[in-house]
Amino acid sequence: MLGMMSPVTAALRGWIRLGQALSPLQMAGAIVVLGSVGAGQWVNRPAPAAGRPGPAPGGRC
């Protein structure tokens, strides 16, 4: 997933440091990449442990 972030990071740094601009199509591509990385991280998050007790009532351990 992080390999897809390299071009987006390079474009962002070029915009900030060098004053370069992105075309609307390039901006749309960056948004798609960021969305796909976010979706991939959200889907692959660890599931909560089964049978693990929650906090005690009243906030006591």
Protein backbone atom coordinates (compact mmCIF):
# COMPACT_ATOMS: atom_id res chain seq x y z
CA MET A 1 0.00 0.00 0.00
CA LEU A 2 2.76 2.46 0.81
CA GLY A 3 4.31 2.04 -2.63
CA MET A 4 1.32 3.86 -4.10
CA MET A 5 1.94 6.80 -1.78
CA SER A 6 5.37 7.63 -3.23
CA PRO A 7 4.12 9.51 -6.34
CA VAL A 8 1.51 11.36 -4.30
CA THR A 9 4.14 12.37 -1.74
CA ALA A 10 6.50 13.53 -4.50
CA ALA A 11 3.75 15.60 -6.12
CA LEU A 12 2.83 17.16 -2.77
CA ARG A 13 6.43 18.05 -2.01
CA GLY A 14 6.86 19.52 -5.50
CA TRP A 15 3.78 21.66 -4.98
CA ILE A 16 4.89 22.90 -1.55
CA ARG A 17 8.63 23.38 -2.16
CA LEU A 18 8.85 24.16 -5.87
CA GLY A 19 5.49 25.79 -6.58
CA GLN A 20 4.55 23.16 -9.14
CA ALA A 21 0.90 22.63 -10.01
CA LEU A 22 -1.20 19.54 -10.78
CA SER A 23 -3.72 19.30 -13.58
CA PRO A 24 -7.29 18.40 -12.62
CA LEU A 25 -6.73 14.85 -13.91
CA GLN A 26 -3.58 14.46 -11.83
CA MET A 27 -5.40 15.80 -8.76
CA ALA A 28 -8.21 13.28 -9.34
CA GLY A 29 -5.63 10.50 -9.58
CA ALA A 30 -4.03 11.56 -6.29
CA ILE A 31 -7.44 11.52 -4.61
CA VAL A 32 -8.13 8.02 -5.97
CA VAL A 33 -4.77 6.77 -4.67
CA LEU A 34 -5.31 8.30 -1.23
CA GLY A 35 -8.81 6.84 -1.09
CA SER A 36 -7.63 3.37 -2.09
CA VAL A 37 -4.83 3.40 0.49
CA GLY A 38 -7.28 4.52 3.17
CA ALA A 39 -9.82 1.87 2.15
CA GLY A 40 -7.14 -0.83 2.16
CA GLN A 41 -6.03 0.15 5.64
CA TRP A 42 -9.63 0.22 6.89
CA VAL A 43 -10.46 -3.22 5.47
CA ASN A 44 -7.27 -4.82 6.82
CA ARG A 45 -7.56 -3.49 10.37
CA PRO A 46 -7.36 -6.14 13.10
CA ALA A 47 -10.63 -7.49 14.46
CA PRO A 48 -11.37 -7.08 18.16
CA ALA A 49 -10.35 -10.05 20.27
CA ALA A 50 -13.24 -12.47 20.88
CA GLY A 51 -14.14 -13.20 24.47
CA ARG A 52 -12.12 -10.30 25.78
CA PRO A 53 -13.94 -8.63 28.65
CA GLY A 54 -14.72 -4.94 28.34
CA PRO A 55 -14.25 -2.34 31.03
CA ALA A 56 -15.81 -2.99 34.43
CA PRO A 57 -19.09 -1.21 35.18
CA GLY A 58 -18.60 2.12 36.89
CA GLY A 59 -15.14 2.58 35.37
CA ARG A 60 -13.36 0.36 37.90
CA CYS A 61 -10.86 -2.27 36.83
